């Protein structure tokens, strides 16, 4: 855990410094498509992913999938089905309770 914390800190620092330099070069009108700084930032991002993967393995958690989630909203069909099913069960149990209570109240009259 100490190693991953230290390496994460160093990677974040390196990325931050490179990002600031990137911003400076952009303000100076430099085109950065083929600039070596782009390769350096890609390299740092690669190592950040490796550290994240290592941390998840050490914690015993499933590693990240490596793909970016879609930018638009999607519906998890299985989760939606569970919510609906549970909601219907609760509604059925409430109506059953009401049915049991109503005849008892009518008998008391």
PDB file of N, CA and C in Angstrom:
ATOM      1  N   UNK A   1       0.817  -1.189   0.000  1.00  0.00           N
ATOM      2  CA  UNK A   1       0.000   0.000   0.000  1.00  0.00           C
ATOM      3  C   UNK A   1       0.864   1.257   0.000  1.00  0.00           C
ATOM      4  N   UNK A   2       2.010   1.185   0.698  1.00  0.00           N
ATOM      5  CA  UNK A   2       2.909   2.338   0.757  1.00  0.00           C
ATOM      6  C   UNK A   2       3.519   2.597  -0.614  1.00  0.00           C
ATOM      7  N   UNK A   3       3.893   1.511  -1.290  1.00  0.00           N
ATOM      8  CA  UNK A   3       4.503   1.652  -2.613  1.00  0.00           C
ATOM      9  C   UNK A   3       3.506   2.258  -3.592  1.00  0.00           C
ATOM     10  N   UNK A   4       2.268   1.781  -3.568  1.00  0.00           N
ATOM     11  CA  UNK A   4       1.288   2.308  -4.514  1.00  0.00           C
ATOM     12  C   UNK A   4       0.945   3.766  -4.199  1.00  0.00           C
ATOM     13  N   UNK A   5       0.924   4.132  -2.918  1.00  0.00           N
ATOM     14  CA  UNK A   5       0.648   5.523  -2.550  1.00  0.00           C
ATOM     15  C   UNK A   5       1.775   6.433  -3.033  1.00  0.00           C
ATOM     16  N   UNK A   6       2.997   5.989  -2.829  1.00  0.00           N
ATOM     17  CA  UNK A   6       4.146   6.787  -3.253  1.00  0.00           C
ATOM     18  C   UNK A   6       4.201   6.896  -4.776  1.00  0.00           C
ATOM     19  N   UNK A   7       4.008   5.775  -5.459  1.00  0.00           N
ATOM     20  CA  UNK A   7       4.068   5.808  -6.922  1.00  0.00           C
ATOM     21  C   UNK A   7       2.913   6.624  -7.500  1.00  0.00           C
ATOM     22  N   UNK A   8       1.728   6.519  -6.889  1.00  0.00           N
ATOM     23  CA  UNK A   8       0.597   7.316  -7.355  1.00  0.00           C
ATOM     24  C   UNK A   8       0.885   8.800  -7.194  1.00  0.00           C
ATOM     25  N   UNK A   9       1.464   9.158  -6.061  1.00  0.00           N
ATOM     26  CA  UNK A   9       1.810  10.560  -5.829  1.00  0.00           C
ATOM     27  C   UNK A   9       2.816  11.076  -6.838  1.00  0.00           C
ATOM     28  N   UNK A  10       3.828  10.269  -7.121  1.00  0.00           N
ATOM     29  CA  UNK A  10       4.837  10.688  -8.095  1.00  0.00           C
ATOM     30  C   UNK A  10       4.246  10.799  -9.497  1.00  0.00           C
ATOM     31  N   UNK A  11       3.375   9.861  -9.849  1.00  0.00           N
ATOM     32  CA  UNK A  11       2.751   9.917 -11.174  1.00  0.00           C
ATOM     33  C   UNK A  11       1.826  11.126 -11.307  1.00  0.00           C
ATOM     34  N   UNK A  12       1.071  11.413 -10.266  1.00  0.00           N
ATOM     35  CA  UNK A  12       0.175  12.576 -10.303  1.00  0.00           C
ATOM     36  C   UNK A  12       0.989  13.860 -10.414  1.00  0.00           C
ATOM     37  N   UNK A  13       2.093  13.926  -9.684  1.00  0.00           N
ATOM     38  CA  UNK A  13       2.960  15.109  -9.760  1.00  0.00           C
ATOM     39  C   UNK A  13       3.523  15.279 -11.164  1.00  0.00           C
ATOM     40  N   UNK A  14       4.029  14.184 -11.727  1.00  0.00           N
ATOM     41  CA  UNK A  14       4.597  14.248 -13.076  1.00  0.00           C
ATOM     42  C   UNK A  14       3.537  14.659 -14.097  1.00  0.00           C
ATOM     43  N   UNK A  15       2.353  14.095 -13.964  1.00  0.00           N
ATOM     44  CA  UNK A  15       1.284  14.419 -14.900  1.00  0.00           C
ATOM     45  C   UNK A  15       0.864  15.877 -14.756  1.00  0.00           C
ATOM     46  N   UNK A  16       0.811  16.362 -13.531  1.00  0.00           N
ATOM     47  CA  UNK A  16       0.418  17.752 -13.292  1.00  0.00           C
ATOM     48  C   UNK A  16       1.426  18.720 -13.897  1.00  0.00           C
ATOM     49  N   UNK A  17       2.709  18.434 -13.686  1.00  0.00           N
ATOM     50  CA  UNK A  17       3.752  19.300 -14.237  1.00  0.00           C
ATOM     51  C   UNK A  17       3.689  19.301 -15.762  1.00  0.00           C
ATOM     52  N   UNK A  18       3.526  18.118 -16.339  1.00  0.00           N
ATOM     53  CA  UNK A  18       3.437  18.029 -17.800  1.00  0.00           C
ATOM     54  C   UNK A  18       2.190  18.726 -18.329  1.00  0.00           C
ATOM     55  N   UNK A  19       1.086  18.634 -17.581  1.00  0.00           N
ATOM     56  CA  UNK A  19      -0.147  19.312 -18.006  1.00  0.00           C
ATOM     57  C   UNK A  19       0.030  20.825 -17.991  1.00  0.00           C
ATOM     58  N   UNK A  20       0.704  21.315 -16.956  1.00  0.00           N
ATOM     59  CA  UNK A  20       0.964  22.758 -16.894  1.00  0.00           C
ATOM     60  C   UNK A  20       1.853  23.211 -18.051  1.00  0.00           C
ATOM     61  N   UNK A  21       2.869  22.404 -18.355  1.00  0.00           N
ATOM     62  CA  UNK A  21       3.750  22.739 -19.473  1.00  0.00           C
ATOM     63  C   UNK A  21       2.978  22.675 -20.789  1.00  0.00           C
ATOM     64  N   UNK A  22       2.079  21.692 -20.902  1.00  0.00           N
ATOM     65  CA  UNK A  22       1.216  21.569 -22.084  1.00  0.00           C
ATOM     66  C   UNK A  22       0.386  22.836 -22.250  1.00  0.00           C
ATOM     67  N   UNK A  23      -0.196  23.298 -21.141  1.00  0.00           N
ATOM     68  CA  UNK A  23      -1.010  24.518 -21.188  1.00  0.00           C
ATOM     69  C   UNK A  23      -0.166  25.723 -21.600  1.00  0.00           C
ATOM     70  N   UNK A  24       1.036  25.800 -21.067  1.00  0.00           N
ATOM     71  CA  UNK A  24       1.931  26.906 -21.416  1.00  0.00           C
ATOM     72  C   UNK A  24       2.253  26.884 -22.911  1.00  0.00           C
ATOM     73  N   UNK A  25       2.606  25.708 -23.414  1.00  0.00           N
ATOM     74  CA  UNK A  25       2.932  25.605 -24.842  1.00  0.00           C
ATOM     75  C   UNK A  25       1.723  25.947 -25.712  1.00  0.00           C
ATOM     76  N   UNK A  26       0.545  25.558 -25.275  1.00  0.00           N
ATOM     77  CA  UNK A  26      -0.667  25.867 -26.022  1.00  0.00           C
ATOM     78  C   UNK A  26      -0.887  27.371 -26.082  1.00  0.00           C
ATOM     79  N   UNK A  27      -0.640  28.062 -24.972  1.00  0.00           N
ATOM     80  CA  UNK A  27      -0.817  29.518 -24.976  1.00  0.00           C
ATOM     81  C   UNK A  27       0.211  30.214 -25.852  1.00  0.00           C
ATOM     82  N   UNK A  28       1.348  29.551 -26.096  1.00  0.00           N
ATOM     83  CA  UNK A  28       2.377  30.126 -26.947  1.00  0.00           C
ATOM     84  C   UNK A  28       2.158  29.803 -28.423  1.00  0.00           C
ATOM     85  N   UNK A  29       1.099  29.026 -28.724  1.00  0.00           N
ATOM     86  CA  UNK A  29       0.762  28.724 -30.110  1.00  0.00           C
ATOM     87  C   UNK A  29       1.490  27.521 -30.680  1.00  0.00           C
ATOM     88  N   UNK A  30       2.104  26.715 -29.850  1.00  0.00           N
ATOM     89  CA  UNK A  30       2.832  25.530 -30.317  1.00  0.00           C
ATOM     90  C   UNK A  30       1.820  24.428 -30.621  1.00  0.00           C
ATOM     91  N   UNK A  31       1.982  23.761 -31.788  1.00  0.00           N
ATOM     92  CA  UNK A  31       1.131  22.611 -32.106  1.00  0.00           C
ATOM     93  C   UNK A  31       1.721  21.392 -31.406  1.00  0.00           C
ATOM     94  N   UNK A  32       0.892  20.688 -30.678  1.00  0.00           N
ATOM     95  CA  UNK A  32       1.382  19.612 -29.819  1.00  0.00           C
ATOM     96  C   UNK A  32       1.040  18.220 -30.330  1.00  0.00           C
ATOM     97  N   UNK A  33       0.571  18.119 -31.565  1.00  0.00           N
ATOM     98  CA  UNK A  33       0.203  16.814 -32.100  1.00  0.00           C
ATOM     99  C   UNK A  33       1.398  15.865 -32.148  1.00  0.00           C
ATOM    100  N   UNK A  34       2.545  16.336 -32.604  1.00  0.00           N
ATOM    101  CA  UNK A  34       3.738  15.504 -32.736  1.00  0.00           C
ATOM    102  C   UNK A  34       4.804  15.844 -31.690  1.00  0.00           C
ATOM    103  N   UNK A  35       4.451  16.599 -30.684  1.00  0.00           N
ATOM    104  CA  UNK A  35       5.402  17.028 -29.662  1.00  0.00           C
ATOM    105  C   UNK A  35       5.751  15.852 -28.736  1.00  0.00           C
ATOM    106  N   UNK A  36       7.002  15.746 -28.294  1.00  0.00           N
ATOM    107  CA  UNK A  36       7.395  14.665 -27.379  1.00  0.00           C
ATOM    108  C   UNK A  36       6.629  14.689 -26.049  1.00  0.00           C
ATOM    109  N   UNK A  37       6.097  15.833 -25.683  1.00  0.00           N
ATOM    110  CA  UNK A  37       5.343  15.935 -24.443  1.00  0.00           C
ATOM    111  C   UNK A  37       4.097  15.057 -24.481  1.00  0.00           C
ATOM    112  N   UNK A  38       3.490  14.927 -25.660  1.00  0.00           N
ATOM    113  CA  UNK A  38       2.305  14.076 -25.799  1.00  0.00           C
ATOM    114  C   UNK A  38       2.663  12.629 -25.500  1.00  0.00           C
ATOM    115  N   UNK A  39       3.805  12.170 -25.995  1.00  0.00           N
ATOM    116  CA  UNK A  39       4.242  10.794 -25.721  1.00  0.00           C
ATOM    117  C   UNK A  39       4.519  10.598 -24.232  1.00  0.00           C
ATOM    118  N   UNK A  40       5.092  11.610 -23.609  1.00  0.00           N
ATOM    119  CA  UNK A  40       5.396  11.525 -22.180  1.00  0.00           C
ATOM    120  C   UNK A  40       4.106  11.433 -21.355  1.00  0.00           C
ATOM    121  N   UNK A  41       3.120  12.218 -21.712  1.00  0.00           N
ATOM    122  CA  UNK A  41       1.852  12.169 -20.980  1.00  0.00           C
ATOM    123  C   UNK A  41       1.139  10.837 -21.194  1.00  0.00           C
ATOM    124  N   UNK A  42       1.218  10.287 -22.394  1.00  0.00           N
ATOM    125  CA  UNK A  42       0.650   8.967 -22.656  1.00  0.00           C
ATOM    126  C   UNK A  42       1.357   7.901 -21.823  1.00  0.00           C
ATOM    127  N   UNK A  43       2.682   8.031 -21.707  1.00  0.00           N
ATOM    128  CA  UNK A  43       3.472   7.079 -20.924  1.00  0.00           C
ATOM    129  C   UNK A  43       3.072   7.136 -19.448  1.00  0.00           C
ATOM    130  N   UNK A  44       2.888   8.345 -18.930  1.00  0.00           N
ATOM    131  CA  UNK A  44       2.492   8.498 -17.530  1.00  0.00           C
ATOM    132  C   UNK A  44       1.104   7.906 -17.307  1.00  0.00           C
ATOM    133  N   UNK A  45       0.192   8.143 -18.243  1.00  0.00           N
ATOM    134  CA  UNK A  45      -1.155   7.574 -18.119  1.00  0.00           C
ATOM    135  C   UNK A  45      -1.103   6.048 -18.130  1.00  0.00           C
ATOM    136  N   UNK A  46      -0.223   5.486 -18.945  1.00  0.00           N
ATOM    137  CA  UNK A  46      -0.073   4.029 -18.996  1.00  0.00           C
ATOM    138  C   UNK A  46       0.371   3.501 -17.635  1.00  0.00           C
ATOM    139  N   UNK A  47       1.330   4.178 -17.009  1.00  0.00           N
ATOM    140  CA  UNK A  47       1.795   3.739 -15.701  1.00  0.00           C
ATOM    141  C   UNK A  47       0.733   3.959 -14.629  1.00  0.00           C
ATOM    142  N   UNK A  48      -0.075   4.983 -14.771  1.00  0.00           N
ATOM    143  CA  UNK A  48      -1.186   5.185 -13.827  1.00  0.00           C
ATOM    144  C   UNK A  48      -2.162   4.016 -13.899  1.00  0.00           C
ATOM    145  N   UNK A  49      -2.458   3.559 -15.119  1.00  0.00           N
ATOM    146  CA  UNK A  49      -3.340   2.395 -15.282  1.00  0.00           C
ATOM    147  C   UNK A  49      -2.711   1.152 -14.660  1.00  0.00           C
ATOM    148  N   UNK A  50      -1.390   0.984 -14.828  1.00  0.00           N
ATOM    149  CA  UNK A  50      -0.715  -0.170 -14.247  1.00  0.00           C
ATOM    150  C   UNK A  50      -0.775  -0.147 -12.723  1.00  0.00           C
ATOM    151  N   UNK A  51      -0.576   1.019 -12.132  1.00  0.00           N
ATOM    152  CA  UNK A  51      -0.648   1.138 -10.676  1.00  0.00           C
ATOM    153  C   UNK A  51      -2.061   0.841 -10.195  1.00  0.00           C
ATOM    154  N   UNK A  52      -3.063   1.341 -10.908  1.00  0.00           N
ATOM    155  CA  UNK A  52      -4.452   1.091 -10.529  1.00  0.00           C
ATOM    156  C   UNK A  52      -4.769  -0.401 -10.602  1.00  0.00           C
ATOM    157  N   UNK A  53      -4.257  -1.065 -11.628  1.00  0.00           N
ATOM    158  CA  UNK A  53      -4.457  -2.507 -11.778  1.00  0.00           C
ATOM    159  C   UNK A  53      -3.781  -3.251 -10.631  1.00  0.00           C
ATOM    160  N   UNK A  54      -2.571  -2.862 -10.285  1.00  0.00           N
ATOM    161  CA  UNK A  54      -1.846  -3.481  -9.186  1.00  0.00           C
ATOM    162  C   UNK A  54      -2.583  -3.285  -7.864  1.00  0.00           C
ATOM    163  N   UNK A  55      -3.088  -2.096  -7.624  1.00  0.00           N
ATOM    164  CA  UNK A  55      -3.837  -1.823  -6.393  1.00  0.00           C
ATOM    165  C   UNK A  55      -5.080  -2.696  -6.305  1.00  0.00           C
ATOM    166  N   UNK A  56      -5.789  -2.848  -7.422  1.00  0.00           N
ATOM    167  CA  UNK A  56      -6.994  -3.669  -7.398  1.00  0.00           C
ATOM    168  C   UNK A  56      -6.651  -5.134  -7.170  1.00  0.00           C
ATOM    169  N   UNK A  57      -5.521  -5.601  -7.701  1.00  0.00           N
ATOM    170  CA  UNK A  57      -5.110  -6.983  -7.464  1.00  0.00           C
ATOM    171  C   UNK A  57      -4.725  -7.194  -6.006  1.00  0.00           C
ATOM    172  N   UNK A  58      -4.042  -6.219  -5.414  1.00  0.00           N
ATOM    173  CA  UNK A  58      -3.649  -6.332  -4.011  1.00  0.00           C
ATOM    174  C   UNK A  58      -4.860  -6.314  -3.088  1.00  0.00           C
ATOM    175  N   UNK A  59      -5.881  -5.564  -3.452  1.00  0.00           N
ATOM    176  CA  UNK A  59      -7.099  -5.494  -2.640  1.00  0.00           C
ATOM    177  C   UNK A  59      -8.002  -6.696  -2.878  1.00  0.00           C
ATOM    178  N   UNK A  60      -7.726  -7.455  -3.935  1.00  0.00           N
ATOM    179  CA  UNK A  60      -8.574  -8.589  -4.264  1.00  0.00           C
ATOM    180  C   UNK A  60      -9.860  -8.185  -4.940  1.00  0.00           C
ATOM    181  N   UNK A  61      -9.849  -7.035  -5.572  1.00  0.00           N
ATOM    182  CA  UNK A  61     -11.025  -6.512  -6.258  1.00  0.00           C
ATOM    183  C   UNK A  61     -10.869  -6.783  -7.741  1.00  0.00           C
ATOM    184  N   UNK A  62     -11.985  -6.877  -8.424  1.00  0.00           N
ATOM    185  CA  UNK A  62     -11.938  -7.070  -9.874  1.00  0.00           C
ATOM    186  C   UNK A  62     -11.267  -5.863 -10.524  1.00  0.00           C
ATOM    187  N   UNK A  63     -10.288  -6.101 -11.392  1.00  0.00           N
ATOM    188  CA  UNK A  63      -9.587  -4.973 -12.020  1.00  0.00           C
ATOM    189  C   UNK A  63     -10.507  -4.188 -12.940  1.00  0.00           C
ATOM    190  N   UNK A  64     -10.165  -2.928 -13.176  1.00  0.00           N
ATOM    191  CA  UNK A  64     -10.969  -2.120 -14.098  1.00  0.00           C
ATOM    192  C   UNK A  64     -10.969  -2.737 -15.493  1.00  0.00           C
ATOM    193  N   UNK A  65     -12.049  -2.519 -16.224  1.00  0.00           N
ATOM    194  CA  UNK A  65     -12.201  -3.160 -17.534  1.00  0.00           C
ATOM    195  C   UNK A  65     -11.309  -2.553 -18.598  1.00  0.00           C
ATOM    196  N   UNK A  66     -10.912  -1.317 -18.425  1.00  0.00           N
ATOM    197  CA  UNK A  66     -10.022  -0.694 -19.396  1.00  0.00           C
ATOM    198  C   UNK A  66     -10.744   0.063 -20.488  1.00  0.00           C
ATOM    199  N   UNK A  67     -12.049  -0.061 -20.552  1.00  0.00           N
ATOM    200  CA  UNK A  67     -12.781   0.710 -21.558  1.00  0.00           C
ATOM    201  C   UNK A  67     -13.467   1.888 -20.886  1.00  0.00           C
ATOM    202  N   UNK A  68     -13.660   2.906 -21.648  1.00  0.00           N
ATOM    203  CA  UNK A  68     -14.325   4.099 -21.130  1.00  0.00           C
ATOM    204  C   UNK A  68     -15.832   3.887 -21.173  1.00  0.00           C
ATOM    205  N   UNK A  69     -16.536   4.250 -20.118  1.00  0.00           N
ATOM    206  CA  UNK A  69     -17.992   4.100 -20.157  1.00  0.00           C
ATOM    207  C   UNK A  69     -18.581   5.053 -21.181  1.00  0.00           C
ATOM    208  N   UNK A  70     -19.733   4.711 -21.717  1.00  0.00           N
ATOM    209  CA  UNK A  70     -20.348   5.598 -22.715  1.00  0.00           C
ATOM    210  C   UNK A  70     -20.697   6.937 -22.096  1.00  0.00           C
ATOM    211  N   UNK A  71     -20.646   7.957 -22.920  1.00  0.00           N
ATOM    212  CA  UNK A  71     -20.945   9.297 -22.420  1.00  0.00           C
ATOM    213  C   UNK A  71     -22.446   9.516 -22.282  1.00  0.00           C
ATOM    214  N   UNK A  72     -23.244   8.744 -22.988  1.00  0.00           N
ATOM    215  CA  UNK A  72     -24.695   8.877 -22.862  1.00  0.00           C
ATOM    216  C   UNK A  72     -25.184   7.905 -21.779  1.00  0.00           C
ATOM    217  N   UNK A  73     -26.351   8.179 -21.266  1.00  0.00           N
ATOM    218  CA  UNK A  73     -26.884   7.327 -20.212  1.00  0.00           C
ATOM    219  C   UNK A  73     -27.440   6.048 -20.794  1.00  0.00           C
ATOM    220  N   UNK A  74     -27.186   4.943 -20.103  1.00  0.00           N
ATOM    221  CA  UNK A  74     -27.735   3.662 -20.516  1.00  0.00           C
ATOM    222  C   UNK A  74     -28.544   3.090 -19.360  1.00  0.00           C
ATOM    223  N   UNK A  75     -29.415   2.173 -19.677  1.00  0.00           N
ATOM    224  CA  UNK A  75     -30.255   1.544 -18.672  1.00  0.00           C
ATOM    225  C   UNK A  75     -29.741   0.130 -18.420  1.00  0.00           C
ATOM    226  N   UNK A  76     -29.533  -0.183 -17.168  1.00  0.00           N
ATOM    227  CA  UNK A  76     -29.170  -1.540 -16.791  1.00  0.00           C
ATOM    228  C   UNK A  76     -30.472  -2.331 -16.707  1.00  0.00           C
ATOM    229  N   UNK A  77     -30.713  -3.170 -17.698  1.00  0.00           N
ATOM    230  CA  UNK A  77     -31.993  -3.860 -17.804  1.00  0.00           C
ATOM    231  C   UNK A  77     -32.232  -4.797 -16.622  1.00  0.00           C
ATOM    232  N   UNK A  78     -31.168  -5.457 -16.176  1.00  0.00           N
ATOM    233  CA  UNK A  78     -31.334  -6.406 -15.081  1.00  0.00           C
ATOM    234  C   UNK A  78     -31.655  -5.687 -13.767  1.00  0.00           C
ATOM    235  N   UNK A  79     -30.994  -4.564 -13.535  1.00  0.00           N
ATOM    236  CA  UNK A  79     -31.279  -3.793 -12.322  1.00  0.00           C
ATOM    237  C   UNK A  79     -32.694  -3.231 -12.376  1.00  0.00           C
ATOM    238  N   UNK A  80     -33.111  -2.742 -13.534  1.00  0.00           N
ATOM    239  CA  UNK A  80     -34.460  -2.205 -13.680  1.00  0.00           C
ATOM    240  C   UNK A  80     -35.502  -3.301 -13.425  1.00  0.00           C
ATOM    241  N   UNK A  81     -35.240  -4.490 -13.933  1.00  0.00           N
ATOM    242  CA  UNK A  81     -36.172  -5.602 -13.715  1.00  0.00           C
ATOM    243  C   UNK A  81     -36.270  -5.949 -12.236  1.00  0.00           C
ATOM    244  N   UNK A  82     -35.135  -5.916 -11.521  1.00  0.00           N
ATOM    245  CA  UNK A  82     -35.155  -6.192 -10.084  1.00  0.00           C
ATOM    246  C   UNK A  82     -35.971  -5.141  -9.339  1.00  0.00           C
ATOM    247  N   UNK A  83     -35.767  -3.867  -9.682  1.00  0.00           N
ATOM    248  CA  UNK A  83     -36.518  -2.806  -9.022  1.00  0.00           C
ATOM    249  C   UNK A  83     -38.016  -2.980  -9.244  1.00  0.00           C
ATOM    250  N   UNK A  84     -38.395  -3.263 -10.462  1.00  0.00           N
ATOM    251  CA  UNK A  84     -39.814  -3.410 -10.788  1.00  0.00           C
ATOM    252  C   UNK A  84     -40.402  -4.608 -10.060  1.00  0.00           C
ATOM    253  N   UNK A  85     -39.682  -5.734 -10.078  1.00  0.00           N
ATOM    254  CA  UNK A  85     -40.170  -6.940  -9.429  1.00  0.00           C
ATOM    255  C   UNK A  85     -40.359  -6.706  -7.932  1.00  0.00           C
ATOM    256  N   UNK A  86     -39.384  -6.076  -7.290  1.00  0.00           N
ATOM    257  CA  UNK A  86     -39.498  -5.807  -5.857  1.00  0.00           C
ATOM    258  C   UNK A  86     -40.620  -4.829  -5.563  1.00  0.00           C
ATOM    259  N   UNK A  87     -40.777  -3.835  -6.429  1.00  0.00           N
ATOM    260  CA  UNK A  87     -41.855  -2.875  -6.240  1.00  0.00           C
ATOM    261  C   UNK A  87     -43.218  -3.536  -6.354  1.00  0.00           C
ATOM    262  N   UNK A  88     -43.357  -4.455  -7.321  1.00  0.00           N
ATOM    263  CA  UNK A  88     -44.628  -5.157  -7.486  1.00  0.00           C
ATOM    264  C   UNK A  88     -44.911  -6.066  -6.300  1.00  0.00           C
ATOM    265  N   UNK A  89     -43.878  -6.718  -5.770  1.00  0.00           N
ATOM    266  CA  UNK A  89     -44.071  -7.582  -4.607  1.00  0.00           C
ATOM    267  C   UNK A  89     -44.520  -6.775  -3.404  1.00  0.00           C
ATOM    268  N   UNK A  90     -43.920  -5.602  -3.218  1.00  0.00           N
ATOM    269  CA  UNK A  90     -44.332  -4.743  -2.099  1.00  0.00           C
ATOM    270  C   UNK A  90     -45.778  -4.294  -2.266  1.00  0.00           C
ATOM    271  N   UNK A  91     -46.140  -3.950  -3.498  1.00  0.00           N
ATOM    272  CA  UNK A  91     -47.511  -3.508  -3.769  1.00  0.00           C
ATOM    273  C   UNK A  91     -48.493  -4.645  -3.506  1.00  0.00           C
ATOM    274  N   UNK A  92     -48.143  -5.869  -3.922  1.00  0.00           N
ATOM    275  CA  UNK A  92     -49.019  -7.018  -3.692  1.00  0.00           C
ATOM    276  C   UNK A  92     -49.187  -7.277  -2.201  1.00  0.00           C
ATOM    277  N   UNK A  93     -48.099  -7.178  -1.451  1.00  0.00           N
ATOM    278  CA  UNK A  93     -48.196  -7.428  -0.012  1.00  0.00           C
ATOM    279  C   UNK A  93     -49.037  -6.355   0.671  1.00  0.00           C
ATOM    280  N   UNK A  94     -48.951  -5.119   0.204  1.00  0.00           N
ATOM    281  CA  UNK A  94     -49.777  -4.055   0.781  1.00  0.00           C
ATOM    282  C   UNK A  94     -51.259  -4.277   0.486  1.00  0.00           C
ATOM    283  N   UNK A  95     -51.576  -4.676  -0.745  1.00  0.00           N
ATOM    284  CA  UNK A  95     -52.988  -4.917  -1.076  1.00  0.00           C
ATOM    285  C   UNK A  95     -53.518  -6.125  -0.312  1.00  0.00           C
ATOM    286  N   UNK A  96     -52.696  -7.148  -0.077  1.00  0.00           N
ATOM    287  CA  UNK A  96     -53.134  -8.297   0.714  1.00  0.00           C
ATOM    288  C   UNK A  96     -53.415  -7.878   2.151  1.00  0.00           C
ATOM    289  N   UNK A  97     -52.570  -7.025   2.701  1.00  0.00           N
ATOM    290  CA  UNK A  97     -52.775  -6.540   4.064  1.00  0.00           C
ATOM    291  C   UNK A  97     -54.060  -5.727   4.139  1.00  0.00           C
ATOM    292  N   UNK A  98     -54.315  -4.908   3.126  1.00  0.00           N
ATOM    293  CA  UNK A  98     -55.527  -4.098   3.101  1.00  0.00           C
ATOM    294  C   UNK A  98     -56.773  -4.981   3.035  1.00  0.00           C
ATOM    295  N   UNK A  99     -56.685  -6.045   2.227  1.00  0.00           N
ATOM    296  CA  UNK A  99     -57.825  -6.959   2.102  1.00  0.00           C
ATOM    297  C   UNK A  99     -58.120  -7.650   3.430  1.00  0.00           C
ATOM    298  N   UNK A 100     -57.057  -7.994   4.152  1.00  0.00           N
ATOM    299  CA  UNK A 100     -57.247  -8.648   5.441  1.00  0.00           C
ATOM    300  C   UNK A 100     -57.828  -7.681   6.462  1.00  0.00           C
ATOM    301  N   UNK A 101     -57.430  -6.432   6.396  1.00  0.00           N
ATOM    302  CA  UNK A 101     -57.897  -5.430   7.348  1.00  0.00           C
ATOM    303  C   UNK A 101     -59.328  -5.014   7.036  1.00  0.00           C
ATOM    304  N   UNK A 102     -59.687  -4.847   5.767  1.00  0.00           N
ATOM    305  CA  UNK A 102     -61.029  -4.380   5.381  1.00  0.00           C
ATOM    306  C   UNK A 102     -62.143  -5.324   5.824  1.00  0.00           C
ATOM    307  N   UNK A 103     -62.032  -6.653   5.576  1.00  0.00           N
ATOM    308  CA  UNK A 103     -63.124  -7.517   6.044  1.00  0.00           C
ATOM    309  C   UNK A 103     -63.246  -7.505   7.568  1.00  0.00           C
ATOM    310  N   UNK A 104     -62.161  -7.411   8.265  1.00  0.00           N
ATOM    311  CA  UNK A 104     -62.209  -7.382   9.722  1.00  0.00           C
ATOM    312  C   UNK A 104     -62.904  -6.124  10.199  1.00  0.00           C
ATOM    313  N   UNK A 105     -62.685  -5.018   9.559  1.00  0.00           N
ATOM    314  CA  UNK A 105     -63.320  -3.762   9.963  1.00  0.00           C
ATOM    315  C   UNK A 105     -64.800  -3.772   9.611  1.00  0.00           C
ATOM    316  N   UNK A 106     -65.196  -4.442   8.526  1.00  0.00           N
ATOM    317  CA  UNK A 106     -66.595  -4.520   8.143  1.00  0.00           C
ATOM    318  C   UNK A 106     -67.363  -5.420   9.114  1.00  0.00           C
ATOM    319  N   UNK A 107     -66.712  -6.481   9.647  1.00  0.00           N
ATOM    320  CA  UNK A 107     -67.360  -7.376  10.587  1.00  0.00           C
ATOM    321  C   UNK A 107     -67.617  -6.675  11.919  1.00  0.00           C
ATOM    322  N   UNK A 108     -66.774  -5.726  12.274  1.00  0.00           N
ATOM    323  CA  UNK A 108     -66.923  -5.028  13.532  1.00  0.00           C
ATOM    324  C   UNK A 108     -68.103  -4.061  13.518  1.00  0.00           C
ATOM    325  N   UNK A 109     -68.551  -3.645  12.342  1.00  0.00           N
ATOM    326  CA  UNK A 109     -69.660  -2.678  12.239  1.00  0.00           C
ATOM    327  C   UNK A 109     -70.940  -3.286  12.559  1.00  0.00           C
TER     328      UNK A 109
END
